[in-house]
Amino acid sequence: MTVAVKNNNNTPLVVPKAIRRKAGFRSGQELEIKASGGVITIVPKPAAAGNEYTAAERRAVDRGISQSEKEYRAGKHAGPFATADEFLADLHRESANLGTKRKPARK
């Protein structure tokens, strides 16, 4: 779709509604406008990466990463494995050990 508009430096340049609709822009959506080499590009503004988690969620993620790093330093890790068979052998060894631990009897 092509629409011609007149550029007048005294008034703002307006993108016609039909063009915005065809591009899929919604009312209130933030847009990013770039100009380069005589071409103006308008694209939806990408979501900020820092806003994907709340502060509480970020703390929970950080705790999980910290715990994982602590376990890795303590030697509680497996792999890397050169083949799937090596991985399966290790998995079976570890699962066999799970049954050997006994819980204390309840009183």
PDB file of N, CA and C in Angstrom:
ATOM      1  N   MET A   1       0.849  -1.169   0.000  1.00  0.00           N
ATOM      2  CA  MET A   1       0.000   0.000   0.000  1.00  0.00           C
ATOM      3  C   MET A   1       0.892   1.229   0.000  1.00  0.00           C
ATOM      4  N   THR A   2       0.584   2.185  -0.852  1.00  0.00           N
ATOM      5  CA  THR A   2       1.345   3.424  -0.933  1.00  0.00           C
ATOM      6  C   THR A   2       0.399   4.597  -0.784  1.00  0.00           C
ATOM      7  N   VAL A   3       0.775   5.548   0.070  1.00  0.00           N
ATOM      8  CA  VAL A   3      -0.004   6.760   0.272  1.00  0.00           C
ATOM      9  C   VAL A   3       0.959   7.930   0.207  1.00  0.00           C
ATOM     10  N   ALA A   4       0.609   8.963  -0.506  1.00  0.00           N
ATOM     11  CA  ALA A   4       1.458  10.156  -0.603  1.00  0.00           C
ATOM     12  C   ALA A   4       0.974  11.198   0.396  1.00  0.00           C
ATOM     13  N   VAL A   5       1.909  11.788   1.132  1.00  0.00           N
ATOM     14  CA  VAL A   5       1.593  12.884   2.050  1.00  0.00           C
ATOM     15  C   VAL A   5       2.574  14.006   1.763  1.00  0.00           C
ATOM     16  N   LYS A   6       2.171  15.249   2.051  1.00  0.00           N
ATOM     17  CA  LYS A   6       3.033  16.402   1.809  1.00  0.00           C
ATOM     18  C   LYS A   6       3.804  16.720   3.085  1.00  0.00           C
ATOM     19  N   ASN A   7       5.117  16.874   2.953  1.00  0.00           N
ATOM     20  CA  ASN A   7       5.961  17.211   4.084  1.00  0.00           C
ATOM     21  C   ASN A   7       5.985  18.724   4.243  1.00  0.00           C
ATOM     22  N   ASN A   8       5.433  19.206   5.332  1.00  0.00           N
ATOM     23  CA  ASN A   8       5.424  20.629   5.635  1.00  0.00           C
ATOM     24  C   ASN A   8       6.150  20.786   6.961  1.00  0.00           C
ATOM     25  N   ASN A   9       7.231  21.509   6.980  1.00  0.00           N
ATOM     26  CA  ASN A   9       8.047  21.629   8.188  1.00  0.00           C
ATOM     27  C   ASN A   9       7.312  22.303   9.343  1.00  0.00           C
ATOM     28  N   ASN A  10       6.179  22.965   9.075  1.00  0.00           N
ATOM     29  CA  ASN A  10       5.441  23.642  10.141  1.00  0.00           C
ATOM     30  C   ASN A  10       4.474  22.715  10.867  1.00  0.00           C
ATOM     31  N   THR A  11       4.144  21.568  10.297  1.00  0.00           N
ATOM     32  CA  THR A  11       3.207  20.641  10.939  1.00  0.00           C
ATOM     33  C   THR A  11       3.864  19.268  11.054  1.00  0.00           C
ATOM     34  N   PRO A  12       3.457  18.491  12.040  1.00  0.00           N
ATOM     35  CA  PRO A  12       4.052  17.161  12.203  1.00  0.00           C
ATOM     36  C   PRO A  12       3.706  16.248  11.028  1.00  0.00           C
ATOM     37  N   LEU A  13       4.605  15.332  10.747  1.00  0.00           N
ATOM     38  CA  LEU A  13       4.356  14.326   9.719  1.00  0.00           C
ATOM     39  C   LEU A  13       3.445  13.268  10.321  1.00  0.00           C
ATOM     40  N   VAL A  14       2.326  12.982   9.677  1.00  0.00           N
ATOM     41  CA  VAL A  14       1.336  12.047  10.199  1.00  0.00           C
ATOM     42  C   VAL A  14       1.305  10.806   9.317  1.00  0.00           C
ATOM     43  N   VAL A  15       1.361   9.642   9.954  1.00  0.00           N
ATOM     44  CA  VAL A  15       1.235   8.383   9.226  1.00  0.00           C
ATOM     45  C   VAL A  15      -0.256   8.075   9.156  1.00  0.00           C
ATOM     46  N   PRO A  16      -0.808   7.967   7.960  1.00  0.00           N
ATOM     47  CA  PRO A  16      -2.248   7.731   7.833  1.00  0.00           C
ATOM     48  C   PRO A  16      -2.703   6.461   8.567  1.00  0.00           C
ATOM     49  N   LYS A  17      -3.927   6.502   9.062  1.00  0.00           N
ATOM     50  CA  LYS A  17      -4.496   5.405   9.835  1.00  0.00           C
ATOM     51  C   LYS A  17      -4.480   4.093   9.060  1.00  0.00           C
ATOM     52  N   ALA A  18      -4.790   4.137   7.761  1.00  0.00           N
ATOM     53  CA  ALA A  18      -4.815   2.920   6.944  1.00  0.00           C
ATOM     54  C   ALA A  18      -3.431   2.256   6.904  1.00  0.00           C
ATOM     55  N   ILE A  19      -2.382   3.060   6.862  1.00  0.00           N
ATOM     56  CA  ILE A  19      -1.011   2.522   6.840  1.00  0.00           C
ATOM     57  C   ILE A  19      -0.677   1.912   8.204  1.00  0.00           C
ATOM     58  N   ARG A  20      -1.024   2.606   9.288  1.00  0.00           N
ATOM     59  CA  ARG A  20      -0.757   2.068  10.637  1.00  0.00           C
ATOM     60  C   ARG A  20      -1.495   0.752  10.842  1.00  0.00           C
ATOM     61  N   ARG A  21      -2.745   0.674  10.373  1.00  0.00           N
ATOM     62  CA  ARG A  21      -3.532  -0.547  10.499  1.00  0.00           C
ATOM     63  C   ARG A  21      -2.897  -1.670   9.681  1.00  0.00           C
ATOM     64  N   LYS A  22      -2.478  -1.364   8.458  1.00  0.00           N
ATOM     65  CA  LYS A  22      -1.861  -2.363   7.579  1.00  0.00           C
ATOM     66  C   LYS A  22      -0.561  -2.895   8.205  1.00  0.00           C
ATOM     67  N   ALA A  23       0.180  -2.020   8.916  1.00  0.00           N
ATOM     68  CA  ALA A  23       1.428  -2.425   9.568  1.00  0.00           C
ATOM     69  C   ALA A  23       1.173  -3.207  10.851  1.00  0.00           C
ATOM     70  N   GLY A  24      -0.067  -3.157  11.353  1.00  0.00           N
ATOM     71  CA  GLY A  24      -0.392  -3.894  12.568  1.00  0.00           C
ATOM     72  C   GLY A  24      -0.107  -3.127  13.847  1.00  0.00           C
ATOM     73  N   PHE A  25       0.095  -1.811  13.736  1.00  0.00           N
ATOM     74  CA  PHE A  25       0.349  -1.010  14.941  1.00  0.00           C
ATOM     75  C   PHE A  25      -0.955  -0.805  15.700  1.00  0.00           C
ATOM     76  N   ARG A  26      -0.884  -0.902  17.030  1.00  0.00           N
ATOM     77  CA  ARG A  26      -2.055  -0.715  17.881  1.00  0.00           C
ATOM     78  C   ARG A  26      -1.995   0.649  18.562  1.00  0.00           C
ATOM     79  N   SER A  27      -3.127   1.138  18.958  1.00  0.00           N
ATOM     80  CA  SER A  27      -3.200   2.409  19.666  1.00  0.00           C
ATOM     81  C   SER A  27      -2.447   2.296  20.990  1.00  0.00           C
ATOM     82  N   GLY A  28      -1.605   3.258  21.281  1.00  0.00           N
ATOM     83  CA  GLY A  28      -0.843   3.274  22.528  1.00  0.00           C
ATOM     84  C   GLY A  28       0.454   2.490  22.475  1.00  0.00           C
ATOM     85  N   GLN A  29       0.690   1.771  21.390  1.00  0.00           N
ATOM     86  CA  GLN A  29       1.908   0.971  21.264  1.00  0.00           C
ATOM     87  C   GLN A  29       3.115   1.893  21.079  1.00  0.00           C
ATOM     88  N   GLU A  30       4.228   1.566  21.746  1.00  0.00           N
ATOM     89  CA  GLU A  30       5.445   2.354  21.584  1.00  0.00           C
ATOM     90  C   GLU A  30       6.142   1.940  20.296  1.00  0.00           C
ATOM     91  N   LEU A  31       6.562   2.949  19.533  1.00  0.00           N
ATOM     92  CA  LEU A  31       7.226   2.702  18.261  1.00  0.00           C
ATOM     93  C   LEU A  31       8.625   3.293  18.275  1.00  0.00           C
ATOM     94  N   GLU A  32       9.495   2.706  17.492  1.00  0.00           N
ATOM     95  CA  GLU A  32      10.871   3.183  17.353  1.00  0.00           C
ATOM     96  C   GLU A  32      11.024   3.715  15.930  1.00  0.00           C
ATOM     97  N   ILE A  33      11.488   4.955  15.791  1.00  0.00           N
ATOM     98  CA  ILE A  33      11.635   5.573  14.478  1.00  0.00           C
ATOM     99  C   ILE A  33      13.109   5.770  14.196  1.00  0.00           C
ATOM    100  N   LYS A  34      13.567   5.263  13.043  1.00  0.00           N
ATOM    101  CA  LYS A  34      14.969   5.362  12.648  1.00  0.00           C
ATOM    102  C   LYS A  34      15.041   6.041  11.286  1.00  0.00           C
ATOM    103  N   ALA A  35      16.055   6.862  11.084  1.00  0.00           N
ATOM    104  CA  ALA A  35      16.258   7.506   9.796  1.00  0.00           C
ATOM    105  C   ALA A  35      17.678   7.231   9.331  1.00  0.00           C
ATOM    106  N   SER A  36      17.819   6.818   8.081  1.00  0.00           N
ATOM    107  CA  SER A  36      19.131   6.532   7.520  1.00  0.00           C
ATOM    108  C   SER A  36      19.056   6.596   5.999  1.00  0.00           C
ATOM    109  N   GLY A  37      19.921   7.356   5.397  1.00  0.00           N
ATOM    110  CA  GLY A  37      20.012   7.412   3.942  1.00  0.00           C
ATOM    111  C   GLY A  37      18.718   7.809   3.254  1.00  0.00           C
ATOM    112  N   GLY A  38      17.991   8.770   3.786  1.00  0.00           N
ATOM    113  CA  GLY A  38      16.761   9.217   3.155  1.00  0.00           C
ATOM    114  C   GLY A  38      15.578   8.288   3.368  1.00  0.00           C
ATOM    115  N   VAL A  39      15.720   7.299   4.242  1.00  0.00           N
ATOM    116  CA  VAL A  39      14.649   6.347   4.513  1.00  0.00           C
ATOM    117  C   VAL A  39      14.282   6.430   5.989  1.00  0.00           C
ATOM    118  N   ILE A  40      12.999   6.495   6.273  1.00  0.00           N
ATOM    119  CA  ILE A  40      12.511   6.474   7.657  1.00  0.00           C
ATOM    120  C   ILE A  40      11.880   5.113   7.890  1.00  0.00           C
ATOM    121  N   THR A  41      12.309   4.463   8.968  1.00  0.00           N
ATOM    122  CA  THR A  41      11.786   3.144   9.324  1.00  0.00           C
ATOM    123  C   THR A  41      11.080   3.253  10.669  1.00  0.00           C
ATOM    124  N   ILE A  42       9.870   2.737  10.743  1.00  0.00           N
ATOM    125  CA  ILE A  42       9.099   2.740  11.993  1.00  0.00           C
ATOM    126  C   ILE A  42       8.814   1.288  12.349  1.00  0.00           C
ATOM    127  N   VAL A  43       9.276   0.876  13.527  1.00  0.00           N
ATOM    128  CA  VAL A  43       9.078  -0.502  13.988  1.00  0.00           C
ATOM    129  C   VAL A  43       8.589  -0.484  15.430  1.00  0.00           C
ATOM    130  N   PRO A  44       7.895  -1.551  15.880  1.00  0.00           N
ATOM    131  CA  PRO A  44       7.502  -1.621  17.286  1.00  0.00           C
ATOM    132  C   PRO A  44       8.734  -1.608  18.181  1.00  0.00           C
ATOM    133  N   LYS A  45       8.660  -0.872  19.269  1.00  0.00           N
ATOM    134  CA  LYS A  45       9.781  -0.805  20.199  1.00  0.00           C
ATOM    135  C   LYS A  45       9.888  -2.135  20.929  1.00  0.00           C
ATOM    136  N   PRO A  46      11.093  -2.744  20.925  1.00  0.00           N
ATOM    137  CA  PRO A  46      11.238  -4.028  21.617  1.00  0.00           C
ATOM    138  C   PRO A  46      11.069  -3.859  23.127  1.00  0.00           C
ATOM    139  N   ALA A  47      10.579  -4.892  23.763  1.00  0.00           N
ATOM    140  CA  ALA A  47      10.402  -4.862  25.223  1.00  0.00           C
ATOM    141  C   ALA A  47      11.764  -4.781  25.893  1.00  0.00           C
ATOM    142  N   ALA A  48      11.844  -4.024  26.961  1.00  0.00           N
ATOM    143  CA  ALA A  48      13.092  -3.895  27.704  1.00  0.00           C
ATOM    144  C   ALA A  48      13.411  -5.210  28.395  1.00  0.00           C
ATOM    145  N   ALA A  49      14.641  -5.672  28.268  1.00  0.00           N
ATOM    146  CA  ALA A  49      15.043  -6.951  28.849  1.00  0.00           C
ATOM    147  C   ALA A  49      14.988  -6.919  30.372  1.00  0.00           C
ATOM    148  N   GLY A  50      15.205  -5.772  30.971  1.00  0.00           N
ATOM    149  CA  GLY A  50      15.220  -5.668  32.414  1.00  0.00           C
ATOM    150  C   GLY A  50      13.856  -5.802  33.051  1.00  0.00           C
ATOM    151  N   ASN A  51      12.793  -5.724  32.266  1.00  0.00           N
ATOM    152  CA  ASN A  51      11.446  -5.760  32.827  1.00  0.00           C
ATOM    153  C   ASN A  51      10.811  -7.144  32.766  1.00  0.00           C
ATOM    154  N   GLU A  52      11.567  -8.161  32.398  1.00  0.00           N
ATOM    155  CA  GLU A  52      10.940  -9.466  32.232  1.00  0.00           C
ATOM    156  C   GLU A  52      10.670 -10.165  33.557  1.00  0.00           C
ATOM    157  N   TYR A  53      11.317  -9.773  34.657  1.00  0.00           N
ATOM    158  CA  TYR A  53      11.094 -10.368  35.973  1.00  0.00           C
ATOM    159  C   TYR A  53      10.814  -9.275  36.994  1.00  0.00           C
ATOM    160  N   THR A  54      10.003  -9.607  37.986  1.00  0.00           N
ATOM    161  CA  THR A  54       9.820  -8.692  39.107  1.00  0.00           C
ATOM    162  C   THR A  54      11.048  -8.821  39.999  1.00  0.00           C
ATOM    163  N   ALA A  55      11.173  -7.917  40.960  1.00  0.00           N
ATOM    164  CA  ALA A  55      12.323  -7.959  41.865  1.00  0.00           C
ATOM    165  C   ALA A  55      12.349  -9.273  42.647  1.00  0.00           C
ATOM    166  N   ALA A  56      11.189  -9.742  43.098  1.00  0.00           N
ATOM    167  CA  ALA A  56      11.125 -11.003  43.847  1.00  0.00           C
ATOM    168  C   ALA A  56      11.517 -12.187  42.966  1.00  0.00           C
ATOM    169  N   GLU A  57      11.046 -12.182  41.714  1.00  0.00           N
ATOM    170  CA  GLU A  57      11.407 -13.263  40.793  1.00  0.00           C
ATOM    171  C   GLU A  57      12.907 -13.248  40.504  1.00  0.00           C
ATOM    172  N   ARG A  58      13.472 -12.058  40.338  1.00  0.00           N
ATOM    173  CA  ARG A  58      14.908 -11.933  40.069  1.00  0.00           C
ATOM    174  C   ARG A  58      15.713 -12.476  41.250  1.00  0.00           C
ATOM    175  N   ARG A  59      15.274 -12.172  42.499  1.00  0.00           N
ATOM    176  CA  ARG A  59      15.987 -12.686  43.684  1.00  0.00           C
ATOM    177  C   ARG A  59      15.923 -14.210  43.717  1.00  0.00           C
ATOM    178  N   ALA A  60      14.764 -14.786  43.373  1.00  0.00           N
ATOM    179  CA  ALA A  60      14.615 -16.245  43.355  1.00  0.00           C
ATOM    180  C   ALA A  60      15.530 -16.864  42.297  1.00  0.00           C
ATOM    181  N   VAL A  61      15.604 -16.257  41.132  1.00  0.00           N
ATOM    182  CA  VAL A  61      16.494 -16.757  40.072  1.00  0.00           C
ATOM    183  C   VAL A  61      17.943 -16.677  40.532  1.00  0.00           C
ATOM    184  N   ASP A  62      18.318 -15.542  41.131  1.00  0.00           N
ATOM    185  CA  ASP A  62      19.696 -15.380  41.616  1.00  0.00           C
ATOM    186  C   ASP A  62      20.047 -16.401  42.695  1.00  0.00           C
ATOM    187  N   ARG A  63      19.068 -16.697  43.599  1.00  0.00           N
ATOM    188  CA  ARG A  63      19.311 -17.713  44.627  1.00  0.00           C
ATOM    189  C   ARG A  63      19.554 -19.078  43.978  1.00  0.00           C
ATOM    190  N   GLY A  64      18.752 -19.419  42.975  1.00  0.00           N
ATOM    191  CA  GLY A  64      18.910 -20.698  42.291  1.00  0.00           C
ATOM    192  C   GLY A  64      20.257 -20.805  41.598  1.00  0.00           C
ATOM    193  N   ILE A  65      20.684 -19.735  40.953  1.00  0.00           N
ATOM    194  CA  ILE A  65      21.993 -19.736  40.280  1.00  0.00           C
ATOM    195  C   ILE A  65      23.104 -19.880  41.304  1.00  0.00           C
ATOM    196  N   SER A  66      23.005 -19.151  42.409  1.00  0.00           N
ATOM    197  CA  SER A  66      24.013 -19.222  43.454  1.00  0.00           C
ATOM    198  C   SER A  66      24.109 -20.635  44.026  1.00  0.00           C
ATOM    199  N   GLN A  67      22.957 -21.261  44.292  1.00  0.00           N
ATOM    200  CA  GLN A  67      22.939 -22.629  44.818  1.00  0.00           C
ATOM    201  C   GLN A  67      23.563 -23.599  43.821  1.00  0.00           C
ATOM    202  N   SER A  68      23.242 -23.436  42.565  1.00  0.00           N
ATOM    203  CA  SER A  68      23.780 -24.309  41.519  1.00  0.00           C
ATOM    204  C   SER A  68      25.301 -24.172  41.431  1.00  0.00           C
ATOM    205  N   GLU A  69      25.797 -22.940  41.495  1.00  0.00           N
ATOM    206  CA  GLU A  69      27.252 -22.720  41.442  1.00  0.00           C
ATOM    207  C   GLU A  69      27.942 -23.339  42.659  1.00  0.00           C
ATOM    208  N   LYS A  70      27.297 -23.230  43.832  1.00  0.00           N
ATOM    209  CA  LYS A  70      27.854 -23.805  45.056  1.00  0.00           C
ATOM    210  C   LYS A  70      27.957 -25.330  44.933  1.00  0.00           C
ATOM    211  N   GLU A  71      26.904 -25.961  44.428  1.00  0.00           N
ATOM    212  CA  GLU A  71      26.913 -27.413  44.246  1.00  0.00           C
ATOM    213  C   GLU A  71      27.960 -27.834  43.221  1.00  0.00           C
ATOM    214  N   TYR A  72      28.119 -27.050  42.171  1.00  0.00           N
ATOM    215  CA  TYR A  72      29.113 -27.378  41.140  1.00  0.00           C
ATOM    216  C   TYR A  72      30.520 -27.324  41.729  1.00  0.00           C
ATOM    217  N   ARG A  73      30.802 -26.273  42.519  1.00  0.00           N
ATOM    218  CA  ARG A  73      32.130 -26.152  43.145  1.00  0.00           C
ATOM    219  C   ARG A  73      32.380 -27.295  44.127  1.00  0.00           C
ATOM    220  N   ALA A  74      31.314 -27.812  44.739  1.00  0.00           N
ATOM    221  CA  ALA A  74      31.443 -28.916  45.695  1.00  0.00           C
ATOM    222  C   ALA A  74      31.570 -30.266  44.995  1.00  0.00           C
ATOM    223  N   GLY A  75      31.535 -30.261  43.667  1.00  0.00           N
ATOM    224  CA  GLY A  75      31.705 -31.501  42.927  1.00  0.00           C
ATOM    225  C   GLY A  75      30.413 -32.254  42.669  1.00  0.00           C
ATOM    226  N   LYS A  76      29.293 -31.624  42.942  1.00  0.00           N
ATOM    227  CA  LYS A  76      28.001 -32.289  42.725  1.00  0.00           C
ATOM    228  C   LYS A  76      27.517 -31.993  41.301  1.00  0.00           C
ATOM    229  N   HIS A  77      28.165 -32.607  40.359  1.00  0.00           N
ATOM    230  CA  HIS A  77      27.767 -32.422  38.962  1.00  0.00           C
ATOM    231  C   HIS A  77      28.114 -33.671  38.179  1.00  0.00           C
ATOM    232  N   ALA A  78      27.550 -33.774  37.015  1.00  0.00           N
ATOM    233  CA  ALA A  78      27.815 -34.920  36.150  1.00  0.00           C
ATOM    234  C   ALA A  78      28.169 -34.400  34.770  1.00  0.00           C
ATOM    235  N   GLY A  79      28.942 -35.167  34.048  1.00  0.00           N
ATOM    236  CA  GLY A  79      29.265 -34.823  32.672  1.00  0.00           C
ATOM    237  C   GLY A  79      30.483 -33.938  32.575  1.00  0.00           C
ATOM    238  N   PRO A  80      30.835 -33.480  31.433  1.00  0.00           N
ATOM    239  CA  PRO A  80      30.138 -33.700  30.173  1.00  0.00           C
ATOM    240  C   PRO A  80      30.366 -35.128  29.670  1.00  0.00           C
ATOM    241  N   PHE A  81      29.462 -35.561  28.858  1.00  0.00           N
ATOM    242  CA  PHE A  81      29.516 -36.915  28.344  1.00  0.00           C
ATOM    243  C   PHE A  81      29.832 -36.879  26.857  1.00  0.00           C
ATOM    244  N   ALA A  82      30.679 -37.797  26.427  1.00  0.00           N
ATOM    245  CA  ALA A  82      31.049 -37.861  25.014  1.00  0.00           C
ATOM    246  C   ALA A  82      29.941 -38.510  24.189  1.00  0.00           C
ATOM    247  N   THR A  83      29.181 -39.406  24.815  1.00  0.00           N
ATOM    248  CA  THR A  83      28.121 -40.110  24.076  1.00  0.00           C
ATOM    249  C   THR A  83      26.870 -40.207  24.941  1.00  0.00           C
ATOM    250  N   ALA A  84      25.778 -40.517  24.304  1.00  0.00           N
ATOM    251  CA  ALA A  84      24.522 -40.722  25.022  1.00  0.00           C
ATOM    252  C   ALA A  84      24.627 -41.953  25.923  1.00  0.00           C
ATOM    253  N   ASP A  85      25.384 -42.962  25.482  1.00  0.00           N
ATOM    254  CA  ASP A  85      25.547 -44.169  26.302  1.00  0.00           C
ATOM    255  C   ASP A  85      26.259 -43.847  27.618  1.00  0.00           C
ATOM    256  N   GLU A  86      27.274 -42.964  27.577  1.00  0.00           N
ATOM    257  CA  GLU A  86      27.958 -42.550  28.812  1.00  0.00           C
ATOM    258  C   GLU A  86      26.975 -41.855  29.744  1.00  0.00           C
ATOM    259  N   PHE A  87      26.138 -40.990  29.171  1.00  0.00           N
ATOM    260  CA  PHE A  87      25.138 -40.295  29.980  1.00  0.00           C
ATOM    261  C   PHE A  87      24.176 -41.280  30.632  1.00  0.00           C
ATOM    262  N   LEU A  88      23.666 -42.232  29.853  1.00  0.00           N
ATOM    263  CA  LEU A  88      22.720 -43.213  30.394  1.00  0.00           C
ATOM    264  C   LEU A  88      23.351 -44.068  31.481  1.00  0.00           C
ATOM    265  N   ALA A  89      24.625 -44.468  31.286  1.00  0.00           N
ATOM    266  CA  ALA A  89      25.309 -45.265  32.301  1.00  0.00           C
ATOM    267  C   ALA A  89      25.408 -44.476  33.602  1.00  0.00           C
ATOM    268  N   ASP A  90      25.749 -43.191  33.516  1.00  0.00           N
ATOM    269  CA  ASP A  90      25.847 -42.353  34.705  1.00  0.00           C
ATOM    270  C   ASP A  90      24.474 -42.169  35.348  1.00  0.00           C
ATOM    271  N   LEU A  91      23.461 -41.985  34.534  1.00  0.00           N
ATOM    272  CA  LEU A  91      22.107 -41.820  35.038  1.00  0.00           C
ATOM    273  C   LEU A  91      21.654 -43.054  35.810  1.00  0.00           C
ATOM    274  N   HIS A  92      21.939 -44.244  35.279  1.00  0.00           N
ATOM    275  CA  HIS A  92      21.561 -45.487  35.953  1.00  0.00           C
ATOM    276  C   HIS A  92      22.352 -45.671  37.253  1.00  0.00           C
ATOM    277  N   ARG A  93      23.621 -45.298  37.242  1.00  0.00           N
ATOM    278  CA  ARG A  93      24.433 -45.379  38.462  1.00  0.00           C
ATOM    279  C   ARG A  93      23.849 -44.476  39.547  1.00  0.00           C
ATOM    280  N   GLU A  94      23.513 -43.242  39.160  1.00  0.00           N
ATOM    281  CA  GLU A  94      22.959 -42.287  40.128  1.00  0.00           C
ATOM    282  C   GLU A  94      21.586 -42.735  40.628  1.00  0.00           C
ATOM    283  N   SER A  95      20.750 -43.258  39.756  1.00  0.00           N
ATOM    284  CA  SER A  95      19.415 -43.674  40.190  1.00  0.00           C
ATOM    285  C   SER A  95      19.495 -44.900  41.099  1.00  0.00           C
ATOM    286  N   ALA A  96      20.499 -45.759  40.906  1.00  0.00           N
ATOM    287  CA  ALA A  96      20.678 -46.915  41.789  1.00  0.00           C
ATOM    288  C   ALA A  96      21.050 -46.447  43.192  1.00  0.00           C
ATOM    289  N   ASN A  97      21.803 -45.358  43.286  1.00  0.00           N
ATOM    290  CA  ASN A  97      22.198 -44.818  44.593  1.00  0.00           C
ATOM    291  C   ASN A  97      21.023 -44.198  45.339  1.00  0.00           C
ATOM    292  N   LEU A  98      20.021 -43.765  44.621  1.00  0.00           N
ATOM    293  CA  LEU A  98      18.876 -43.137  45.277  1.00  0.00           C
ATOM    294  C   LEU A  98      18.139 -44.111  46.184  1.00  0.00           C
ATOM    295  N   GLY A  99      18.092 -45.377  45.822  1.00  0.00           N
ATOM    296  CA  GLY A  99      17.370 -46.363  46.616  1.00  0.00           C
ATOM    297  C   GLY A  99      18.122 -46.808  47.853  1.00  0.00           C
ATOM    298  N   THR A 100      19.425 -46.513  47.957  1.00  0.00           N
ATOM    299  CA  THR A 100      20.214 -46.980  49.091  1.00  0.00           C
ATOM    300  C   THR A 100      20.075 -46.095  50.318  1.00  0.00           C
ATOM    301  N   LYS A 101      19.605 -44.890  50.180  1.00  0.00           N
ATOM    302  CA  LYS A 101      19.463 -43.989  51.317  1.00  0.00           C
ATOM    303  C   LYS A 101      18.194 -44.335  52.079  1.00  0.00           C
ATOM    304  N   ARG A 102      18.309 -44.480  53.365  1.00  0.00           N
ATOM    305  CA  ARG A 102      17.153 -44.825  54.188  1.00  0.00           C
ATOM    306  C   ARG A 102      16.772 -43.625  55.048  1.00  0.00           C
ATOM    307  N   LYS A 103      15.469 -43.435  55.173  1.00  0.00           N
ATOM    308  CA  LYS A 103      14.975 -42.393  56.042  1.00  0.00           C
ATOM    309  C   LYS A 103      14.902 -42.947  57.451  1.00  0.00           C
ATOM    310  N   PRO A 104      15.152 -42.116  58.476  1.00  0.00           N
ATOM    311  CA  PRO A 104      15.041 -42.592  59.852  1.00  0.00           C
ATOM    312  C   PRO A 104      13.589 -42.977  60.164  1.00  0.00           C
ATOM    313  N   ALA A 105      13.428 -44.003  60.981  1.00  0.00           N
ATOM    314  CA  ALA A 105      12.088 -44.481  61.344  1.00  0.00           C
ATOM    315  C   ALA A 105      11.390 -43.444  62.212  1.00  0.00           C
ATOM    316  N   ARG A 106      10.109 -43.286  61.986  1.00  0.00           N
ATOM    317  CA  ARG A 106       9.323 -42.362  62.788  1.00  0.00           C
ATOM    318  C   ARG A 106       9.000 -42.972  64.122  1.00  0.00           C
ATOM    319  N   LYS A 107       8.933 -42.175  65.130  1.00  0.00           N
ATOM    320  CA  LYS A 107       8.616 -42.654  66.486  1.00  0.00           C
ATOM    321  C   LYS A 107       7.167 -42.502  66.789  1.00  0.00           C
TER     322      LYS A 107
END
